[in-house]
């Protein structure tokens, strides 16, 4: 007798120790944009309308609308009824008792969302655009070990290394809820060809600060780099694309 098929796992089943990472295109047809905008709160719509350029208004509305849809699926709640609270540096959380923790980032037409139950998380994505002399930017924002490491990368790979470093640092400060107000030169991250993502101290104080946090590099799409930071270690990511008609992970690690 043939075996009965195993029940397919729901993409919204978030197990202990997992962090789900969704990536989604913000380039949506006009009816979809209107439908997603309709899910936003009055405050969110006002924030969208403050952007001067239409494509910035559209991206914000779609990004926040999709965030509501994704969280609504996990919580089995209507997305338009979700309410958010904001930390001192603007990090969003669900208002009231929070069964889920999340973070979001977008660059150009790509958004990424991270969702977890048991740990603070931060995510960042950047499109790799040409930057004249990234070493000069590094001199203002990176720690001394990172500045030396960037200059040691072959010139043809230096731009991507710069973005690897930037997204890893930003994911970490977002996870802490401090954003770019946190001094970026007070801690270091590993980066460069073949380097696994990890936090590194630059002083005794920074060693205490980064203890209990870990990093993972993400490959969100061609021409983009990303990173995920989370409290603790031993967690694993399940990465998916929205929409995924099969409900399956596009990659898992």
C-alpha atoms as a PDB file:
ATOM      1  CA  UNK A   1       0.000   0.000   0.000  1.00  0.00           C
ATOM      2  CA  UNK A   2       1.484   3.376  -0.924  1.00  0.00           C
ATOM      3  CA  UNK A   3       2.307   5.692   1.943  1.00  0.00           C
ATOM      4  CA  UNK A   4      -0.053   8.551   2.608  1.00  0.00           C
ATOM      5  CA  UNK A   5       1.488  11.896   1.647  1.00  0.00           C
ATOM      6  CA  UNK A   6       2.873  13.909   4.525  1.00  0.00           C
ATOM      7  CA  UNK A   7       0.810  17.003   5.283  1.00  0.00           C
ATOM      8  CA  UNK A   8       2.419  20.084   3.822  1.00  0.00           C
ATOM      9  CA  UNK A   9       3.752  22.435   6.441  1.00  0.00           C
ATOM     10  CA  UNK A  10       2.088  25.822   6.486  1.00  0.00           C
ATOM     11  CA  UNK A  11       4.460  28.672   5.591  1.00  0.00           C
ATOM     12  CA  UNK A  12       2.995  30.498   8.610  1.00  0.00           C
ATOM     13  CA  UNK A  13       4.042  27.812  11.106  1.00  0.00           C
ATOM     14  CA  UNK A  14       6.857  29.479  13.027  1.00  0.00           C
ATOM     15  CA  UNK A  15       8.752  26.948  15.113  1.00  0.00           C
ATOM     16  CA  UNK A  16      10.903  27.645  18.149  1.00  0.00           C
ATOM     17  CA  UNK A  17      14.338  28.859  17.159  1.00  0.00           C
ATOM     18  CA  UNK A  18      13.272  29.808  13.625  1.00  0.00           C
ATOM     19  CA  UNK A  19      13.406  33.205  11.982  1.00  0.00           C
ATOM     20  CA  UNK A  20      11.346  33.554   8.828  1.00  0.00           C
ATOM     21  CA  UNK A  21      12.692  35.899   6.168  1.00  0.00           C
ATOM     22  CA  UNK A  22      10.357  36.987   3.381  1.00  0.00           C
ATOM     23  CA  UNK A  23      11.393  38.924   0.302  1.00  0.00           C
ATOM     24  CA  UNK A  24       8.886  40.738  -1.870  1.00  0.00           C
ATOM     25  CA  UNK A  25       8.855  42.977  -4.899  1.00  0.00           C
ATOM     26  CA  UNK A  26       7.419  46.444  -4.356  1.00  0.00           C
ATOM     27  CA  UNK A  27       6.741  46.813  -8.079  1.00  0.00           C
ATOM     28  CA  UNK A  28       3.019  45.997  -8.067  1.00  0.00           C
ATOM     29  CA  UNK A  29       0.194  46.764 -10.502  1.00  0.00           C
ATOM     30  CA  UNK A  30      -1.959  49.758  -9.675  1.00  0.00           C
ATOM     31  CA  UNK A  31      -4.958  47.752  -8.307  1.00  0.00           C
ATOM     32  CA  UNK A  32      -2.634  45.901  -5.914  1.00  0.00           C
ATOM     33  CA  UNK A  33      -1.057  49.173  -4.756  1.00  0.00           C
ATOM     34  CA  UNK A  34      -4.509  50.639  -4.015  1.00  0.00           C
ATOM     35  CA  UNK A  35      -5.607  47.514  -2.152  1.00  0.00           C
ATOM     36  CA  UNK A  36      -2.461  47.506  -0.002  1.00  0.00           C
ATOM     37  CA  UNK A  37      -2.707  51.225   0.686  1.00  0.00           C
ATOM     38  CA  UNK A  38      -6.283  50.688   1.891  1.00  0.00           C
ATOM     39  CA  UNK A  39      -4.934  48.433   4.670  1.00  0.00           C
ATOM     40  CA  UNK A  40      -2.823  51.222   6.178  1.00  0.00           C
ATOM     41  CA  UNK A  41      -3.719  53.327   9.171  1.00  0.00           C
ATOM     42  CA  UNK A  42      -4.367  57.032   8.732  1.00  0.00           C
ATOM     43  CA  UNK A  43      -0.931  57.747  10.159  1.00  0.00           C
ATOM     44  CA  UNK A  44       0.750  55.401   7.678  1.00  0.00           C
ATOM     45  CA  UNK A  45      -1.089  56.932   4.747  1.00  0.00           C
ATOM     46  CA  UNK A  46      -0.042  60.379   5.941  1.00  0.00           C
ATOM     47  CA  UNK A  47       3.581  59.207   6.132  1.00  0.00           C
ATOM     48  CA  UNK A  48       3.336  57.852   2.588  1.00  0.00           C
ATOM     49  CA  UNK A  49       1.903  61.122   1.315  1.00  0.00           C
ATOM     50  CA  UNK A  50       4.797  63.119   2.746  1.00  0.00           C
ATOM     51  CA  UNK A  51       7.155  61.658   0.153  1.00  0.00           C
ATOM     52  CA  UNK A  52       7.624  64.057  -2.740  1.00  0.00           C
ATOM     53  CA  UNK A  53       8.113  61.451  -5.468  1.00  0.00           C
ATOM     54  CA  UNK A  54       5.329  59.116  -6.531  1.00  0.00           C
ATOM     55  CA  UNK A  55       7.477  56.003  -6.631  1.00  0.00           C
ATOM     56  CA  UNK A  56       8.595  56.658  -3.048  1.00  0.00           C
ATOM     57  CA  UNK A  57       4.962  56.995  -1.941  1.00  0.00           C
ATOM     58  CA  UNK A  58       4.094  53.771  -3.751  1.00  0.00           C
ATOM     59  CA  UNK A  59       7.014  51.812  -2.294  1.00  0.00           C
ATOM     60  CA  UNK A  60       6.221  52.911   1.254  1.00  0.00           C
ATOM     61  CA  UNK A  61       2.534  52.016   0.910  1.00  0.00           C
ATOM     62  CA  UNK A  62       3.246  48.626  -0.633  1.00  0.00           C
ATOM     63  CA  UNK A  63       5.984  47.821   1.880  1.00  0.00           C
ATOM     64  CA  UNK A  64       3.793  48.626   4.879  1.00  0.00           C
ATOM     65  CA  UNK A  65       0.724  46.994   3.342  1.00  0.00           C
ATOM     66  CA  UNK A  66       2.618  43.761   2.727  1.00  0.00           C
ATOM     67  CA  UNK A  67       3.984  43.901   6.280  1.00  0.00           C
ATOM     68  CA  UNK A  68       0.412  43.971   7.549  1.00  0.00           C
ATOM     69  CA  UNK A  69      -0.593  41.085   5.286  1.00  0.00           C
ATOM     70  CA  UNK A  70       2.371  38.938   6.364  1.00  0.00           C
ATOM     71  CA  UNK A  71       1.847  39.588  10.091  1.00  0.00           C
ATOM     72  CA  UNK A  72      -1.903  39.093   9.704  1.00  0.00           C
ATOM     73  CA  UNK A  73      -1.314  35.635   8.246  1.00  0.00           C
ATOM     74  CA  UNK A  74       0.867  34.604  11.182  1.00  0.00           C
ATOM     75  CA  UNK A  75      -1.583  36.002  13.742  1.00  0.00           C
ATOM     76  CA  UNK A  76      -4.788  35.053  11.916  1.00  0.00           C
ATOM     77  CA  UNK A  77      -5.987  38.633  12.228  1.00  0.00           C
ATOM     78  CA  UNK A  78      -7.309  41.122   9.660  1.00  0.00           C
ATOM     79  CA  UNK A  79      -4.247  43.079   8.490  1.00  0.00           C
ATOM     80  CA  UNK A  80      -6.019  46.429   8.606  1.00  0.00           C
ATOM     81  CA  UNK A  81      -6.738  45.959  12.334  1.00  0.00           C
ATOM     82  CA  UNK A  82      -3.136  45.539  13.395  1.00  0.00           C
ATOM     83  CA  UNK A  83      -1.726  48.385  15.485  1.00  0.00           C
ATOM     84  CA  UNK A  84       1.931  49.289  15.861  1.00  0.00           C
ATOM     85  CA  UNK A  85       4.012  50.930  18.536  1.00  0.00           C
ATOM     86  CA  UNK A  86       7.413  52.534  17.978  1.00  0.00           C
ATOM     87  CA  UNK A  87      10.569  52.544  20.060  1.00  0.00           C
ATOM     88  CA  UNK A  88      12.675  55.650  20.810  1.00  0.00           C
ATOM     89  CA  UNK A  89      14.544  55.247  17.494  1.00  0.00           C
ATOM     90  CA  UNK A  90      11.432  54.338  15.505  1.00  0.00           C
ATOM     91  CA  UNK A  91      11.673  50.540  15.544  1.00  0.00           C
ATOM     92  CA  UNK A  92       8.137  49.186  15.033  1.00  0.00           C
ATOM     93  CA  UNK A  93       6.556  46.502  17.191  1.00  0.00           C
ATOM     94  CA  UNK A  94       3.037  45.186  17.497  1.00  0.00           C
ATOM     95  CA  UNK A  95       1.077  47.239  20.009  1.00  0.00           C
ATOM     96  CA  UNK A  96       0.063  45.489  23.203  1.00  0.00           C
ATOM     97  CA  UNK A  97       1.185  41.952  24.048  1.00  0.00           C
ATOM     98  CA  UNK A  98       3.521  40.954  21.215  1.00  0.00           C
ATOM     99  CA  UNK A  99       3.420  37.267  20.251  1.00  0.00           C
ATOM    100  CA  UNK A 100       5.621  38.104  17.271  1.00  0.00           C
ATOM    101  CA  UNK A 101       8.739  40.181  16.800  1.00  0.00           C
ATOM    102  CA  UNK A 102       9.566  41.511  13.365  1.00  0.00           C
ATOM    103  CA  UNK A 103      11.696  43.886  11.364  1.00  0.00           C
ATOM    104  CA  UNK A 104      11.547  45.233   7.818  1.00  0.00           C
ATOM    105  CA  UNK A 105      13.845  46.888   5.294  1.00  0.00           C
ATOM    106  CA  UNK A 106      13.547  47.906   1.669  1.00  0.00           C
ATOM    107  CA  UNK A 107      15.777  49.253  -1.067  1.00  0.00           C
ATOM    108  CA  UNK A 108      14.496  50.322  -4.472  1.00  0.00           C
ATOM    109  CA  UNK A 109      11.896  47.715  -5.484  1.00  0.00           C
ATOM    110  CA  UNK A 110      12.814  44.984  -2.977  1.00  0.00           C
ATOM    111  CA  UNK A 111      11.540  44.568   0.585  1.00  0.00           C
ATOM    112  CA  UNK A 112      12.611  42.012   3.172  1.00  0.00           C
ATOM    113  CA  UNK A 113      10.726  41.044   6.325  1.00  0.00           C
ATOM    114  CA  UNK A 114      12.019  39.069   9.311  1.00  0.00           C
ATOM    115  CA  UNK A 115       9.614  37.423  11.769  1.00  0.00           C
ATOM    116  CA  UNK A 116      10.428  35.595  15.018  1.00  0.00           C
ATOM    117  CA  UNK A 117       8.717  34.581  18.232  1.00  0.00           C
ATOM    118  CA  UNK A 118      11.484  34.402  20.768  1.00  0.00           C
ATOM    119  CA  UNK A 119      14.176  36.966  20.021  1.00  0.00           C
ATOM    120  CA  UNK A 120      14.842  40.551  18.973  1.00  0.00           C
ATOM    121  CA  UNK A 121      15.786  40.787  15.299  1.00  0.00           C
ATOM    122  CA  UNK A 122      16.987  43.340  12.772  1.00  0.00           C
ATOM    123  CA  UNK A 123      17.211  43.056   9.009  1.00  0.00           C
ATOM    124  CA  UNK A 124      18.718  45.252   6.298  1.00  0.00           C
ATOM    125  CA  UNK A 125      18.877  45.127   2.507  1.00  0.00           C
ATOM    126  CA  UNK A 126      20.679  47.415   0.088  1.00  0.00           C
ATOM    127  CA  UNK A 127      20.875  47.543  -3.665  1.00  0.00           C
ATOM    128  CA  UNK A 128      24.503  47.564  -4.763  1.00  0.00           C
ATOM    129  CA  UNK A 129      24.887  50.916  -6.490  1.00  0.00           C
ATOM    130  CA  UNK A 130      28.127  52.501  -7.658  1.00  0.00           C
ATOM    131  CA  UNK A 131      29.838  54.500  -4.936  1.00  0.00           C
ATOM    132  CA  UNK A 132      32.845  56.647  -5.659  1.00  0.00           C
ATOM    133  CA  UNK A 133      35.605  55.754  -3.213  1.00  0.00           C
ATOM    134  CA  UNK A 134      33.669  53.748  -0.618  1.00  0.00           C
ATOM    135  CA  UNK A 135      36.803  53.939   1.539  1.00  0.00           C
ATOM    136  CA  UNK A 136      35.995  57.619   2.227  1.00  0.00           C
ATOM    137  CA  UNK A 137      32.544  56.701   3.572  1.00  0.00           C
ATOM    138  CA  UNK A 138      34.123  53.930   5.627  1.00  0.00           C
ATOM    139  CA  UNK A 139      36.483  56.465   7.198  1.00  0.00           C
ATOM    140  CA  UNK A 140      33.464  58.286   8.634  1.00  0.00           C
ATOM    141  CA  UNK A 141      31.306  55.350   9.758  1.00  0.00           C
ATOM    142  CA  UNK A 142      33.353  52.150  10.063  1.00  0.00           C
ATOM    143  CA  UNK A 143      35.566  51.013  12.920  1.00  0.00           C
ATOM    144  CA  UNK A 144      39.356  50.971  12.435  1.00  0.00           C
ATOM    145  CA  UNK A 145      39.506  47.172  11.808  1.00  0.00           C
ATOM    146  CA  UNK A 146      36.795  47.504   9.162  1.00  0.00           C
ATOM    147  CA  UNK A 147      38.576  50.365   7.402  1.00  0.00           C
ATOM    148  CA  UNK A 148      41.741  48.269   7.160  1.00  0.00           C
ATOM    149  CA  UNK A 149      39.801  45.201   6.026  1.00  0.00           C
ATOM    150  CA  UNK A 150      38.001  47.153   3.288  1.00  0.00           C
ATOM    151  CA  UNK A 151      41.240  48.475   1.833  1.00  0.00           C
ATOM    152  CA  UNK A 152      42.609  44.925   1.804  1.00  0.00           C
ATOM    153  CA  UNK A 153      39.787  43.704  -0.460  1.00  0.00           C
ATOM    154  CA  UNK A 154      40.719  43.618  -4.185  1.00  0.00           C
ATOM    155  CA  UNK A 155      39.398  46.766  -5.898  1.00  0.00           C
ATOM    156  CA  UNK A 156      37.043  44.829  -8.165  1.00  0.00           C
ATOM    157  CA  UNK A 157      35.274  43.356  -5.100  1.00  0.00           C
ATOM    158  CA  UNK A 158      35.498  46.340  -2.799  1.00  0.00           C
ATOM    159  CA  UNK A 159      32.088  47.811  -3.578  1.00  0.00           C
ATOM    160  CA  UNK A 160      30.217  44.633  -2.655  1.00  0.00           C
ATOM    161  CA  UNK A 161      32.394  44.265   0.458  1.00  0.00           C
ATOM    162  CA  UNK A 162      31.437  47.803   1.467  1.00  0.00           C
ATOM    163  CA  UNK A 163      27.733  46.953   1.205  1.00  0.00           C
ATOM    164  CA  UNK A 164      28.258  43.662   3.055  1.00  0.00           C
ATOM    165  CA  UNK A 165      29.783  45.597   5.928  1.00  0.00           C
ATOM    166  CA  UNK A 166      27.116  48.301   5.885  1.00  0.00           C
ATOM    167  CA  UNK A 167      24.117  45.924   5.905  1.00  0.00           C
ATOM    168  CA  UNK A 168      25.611  43.780   8.686  1.00  0.00           C
ATOM    169  CA  UNK A 169      26.213  46.822  10.865  1.00  0.00           C
ATOM    170  CA  UNK A 170      22.778  48.278  10.196  1.00  0.00           C
ATOM    171  CA  UNK A 171      21.000  44.964  10.839  1.00  0.00           C
ATOM    172  CA  UNK A 172      22.698  44.794  14.237  1.00  0.00           C
ATOM    173  CA  UNK A 173      21.810  48.309  15.370  1.00  0.00           C
ATOM    174  CA  UNK A 174      18.248  47.812  14.115  1.00  0.00           C
ATOM    175  CA  UNK A 175      17.965  44.608  16.151  1.00  0.00           C
ATOM    176  CA  UNK A 176      19.008  46.575  19.231  1.00  0.00           C
ATOM    177  CA  UNK A 177      16.313  49.162  18.450  1.00  0.00           C
ATOM    178  CA  UNK A 178      18.859  51.976  18.204  1.00  0.00           C
ATOM    179  CA  UNK A 179      19.120  52.572  14.465  1.00  0.00           C
ATOM    180  CA  UNK A 180      21.887  54.726  13.069  1.00  0.00           C
ATOM    181  CA  UNK A 181      21.983  56.699  16.310  1.00  0.00           C
ATOM    182  CA  UNK A 182      24.210  53.923  17.614  1.00  0.00           C
ATOM    183  CA  UNK A 183      27.909  54.725  16.997  1.00  0.00           C
ATOM    184  CA  UNK A 184      28.849  52.517  14.060  1.00  0.00           C
ATOM    185  CA  UNK A 185      32.553  52.771  14.765  1.00  0.00           C
ATOM    186  CA  UNK A 186      32.214  51.228  18.239  1.00  0.00           C
ATOM    187  CA  UNK A 187      31.889  47.644  16.987  1.00  0.00           C
ATOM    188  CA  UNK A 188      33.047  45.659  13.967  1.00  0.00           C
ATOM    189  CA  UNK A 189      31.663  42.996  11.649  1.00  0.00           C
ATOM    190  CA  UNK A 190      33.434  40.509   9.457  1.00  0.00           C
ATOM    191  CA  UNK A 191      33.059  40.887   5.691  1.00  0.00           C
ATOM    192  CA  UNK A 192      34.889  40.317   2.461  1.00  0.00           C
ATOM    193  CA  UNK A 193      35.181  37.370   0.073  1.00  0.00           C
ATOM    194  CA  UNK A 194      34.273  34.152   1.844  1.00  0.00           C
ATOM    195  CA  UNK A 195      34.019  35.702   5.319  1.00  0.00           C
ATOM    196  CA  UNK A 196      31.095  34.402   7.399  1.00  0.00           C
ATOM    197  CA  UNK A 197      29.094  37.146   9.064  1.00  0.00           C
ATOM    198  CA  UNK A 198      29.962  37.735  12.716  1.00  0.00           C
ATOM    199  CA  UNK A 199      30.252  40.547  15.223  1.00  0.00           C
ATOM    200  CA  UNK A 200      33.682  41.486  16.516  1.00  0.00           C
ATOM    201  CA  UNK A 201      34.675  43.730  19.442  1.00  0.00           C
ATOM    202  CA  UNK A 202      36.940  46.734  19.103  1.00  0.00           C
ATOM    203  CA  UNK A 203      37.231  47.329  22.881  1.00  0.00           C
ATOM    204  CA  UNK A 204      36.319  45.720  26.191  1.00  0.00           C
ATOM    205  CA  UNK A 205      33.105  47.747  26.289  1.00  0.00           C
ATOM    206  CA  UNK A 206      32.096  46.667  22.800  1.00  0.00           C
ATOM    207  CA  UNK A 207      32.837  43.023  23.669  1.00  0.00           C
ATOM    208  CA  UNK A 208      30.242  43.231  26.434  1.00  0.00           C
ATOM    209  CA  UNK A 209      27.847  45.058  24.137  1.00  0.00           C
ATOM    210  CA  UNK A 210      27.860  42.507  21.313  1.00  0.00           C
ATOM    211  CA  UNK A 211      27.802  39.460  23.591  1.00  0.00           C
ATOM    212  CA  UNK A 212      24.603  37.520  23.027  1.00  0.00           C
ATOM    213  CA  UNK A 213      24.023  38.688  19.439  1.00  0.00           C
ATOM    214  CA  UNK A 214      24.760  36.967  16.134  1.00  0.00           C
ATOM    215  CA  UNK A 215      24.664  37.734  12.421  1.00  0.00           C
ATOM    216  CA  UNK A 216      23.827  36.013   9.158  1.00  0.00           C
ATOM    217  CA  UNK A 217      24.469  37.233   5.619  1.00  0.00           C
ATOM    218  CA  UNK A 218      21.513  37.139   3.226  1.00  0.00           C
ATOM    219  CA  UNK A 219      21.358  36.901  -0.561  1.00  0.00           C
ATOM    220  CA  UNK A 220      17.981  38.552  -1.198  1.00  0.00           C
ATOM    221  CA  UNK A 221      18.293  38.863  -4.975  1.00  0.00           C
ATOM    222  CA  UNK A 222      20.557  39.716  -7.876  1.00  0.00           C
ATOM    223  CA  UNK A 223      22.187  43.087  -7.318  1.00  0.00           C
ATOM    224  CA  UNK A 224      21.245  43.223  -3.625  1.00  0.00           C
ATOM    225  CA  UNK A 225      22.998  42.307  -0.386  1.00  0.00           C
ATOM    226  CA  UNK A 226      21.438  41.869   3.021  1.00  0.00           C
ATOM    227  CA  UNK A 227      21.986  40.787   6.589  1.00  0.00           C
ATOM    228  CA  UNK A 228      20.032  39.535   9.562  1.00  0.00           C
ATOM    229  CA  UNK A 229      20.940  40.092  13.221  1.00  0.00           C
ATOM    230  CA  UNK A 230      19.310  38.367  16.165  1.00  0.00           C
ATOM    231  CA  UNK A 231      19.729  37.966  19.875  1.00  0.00           C
ATOM    232  CA  UNK A 232      21.331  34.693  20.871  1.00  0.00           C
ATOM    233  CA  UNK A 233      22.650  31.949  18.651  1.00  0.00           C
ATOM    234  CA  UNK A 234      21.550  28.531  17.486  1.00  0.00           C
ATOM    235  CA  UNK A 235      18.673  30.001  15.467  1.00  0.00           C
ATOM    236  CA  UNK A 236      18.069  29.180  11.839  1.00  0.00           C
ATOM    237  CA  UNK A 237      16.375  31.025   9.014  1.00  0.00           C
ATOM    238  CA  UNK A 238      13.659  29.887   6.646  1.00  0.00           C
ATOM    239  CA  UNK A 239      13.684  32.147   3.608  1.00  0.00           C
ATOM    240  CA  UNK A 240      10.656  32.600   1.377  1.00  0.00           C
ATOM    241  CA  UNK A 241       9.498  34.726  -1.516  1.00  0.00           C
ATOM    242  CA  UNK A 242       6.166  36.581  -1.509  1.00  0.00           C
ATOM    243  CA  UNK A 243       3.956  35.486  -3.077  1.00  0.00           C
ATOM    244  CA  UNK A 244       4.916  31.822  -3.161  1.00  0.00           C
ATOM    245  CA  UNK A 245       1.957  29.897  -4.615  1.00  0.00           C
ATOM    246  CA  UNK A 246       3.361  26.591  -3.322  1.00  0.00           C
ATOM    247  CA  UNK A 247       3.862  27.850   0.222  1.00  0.00           C
ATOM    248  CA  UNK A 248       7.378  26.420   0.201  1.00  0.00           C
ATOM    249  CA  UNK A 249      10.639  27.959   1.309  1.00  0.00           C
ATOM    250  CA  UNK A 250      12.708  29.214  -1.572  1.00  0.00           C
ATOM    251  CA  UNK A 251      15.807  28.530   0.497  1.00  0.00           C
ATOM    252  CA  UNK A 252      16.543  27.401   3.986  1.00  0.00           C
ATOM    253  CA  UNK A 253      19.671  27.312   6.079  1.00  0.00           C
END
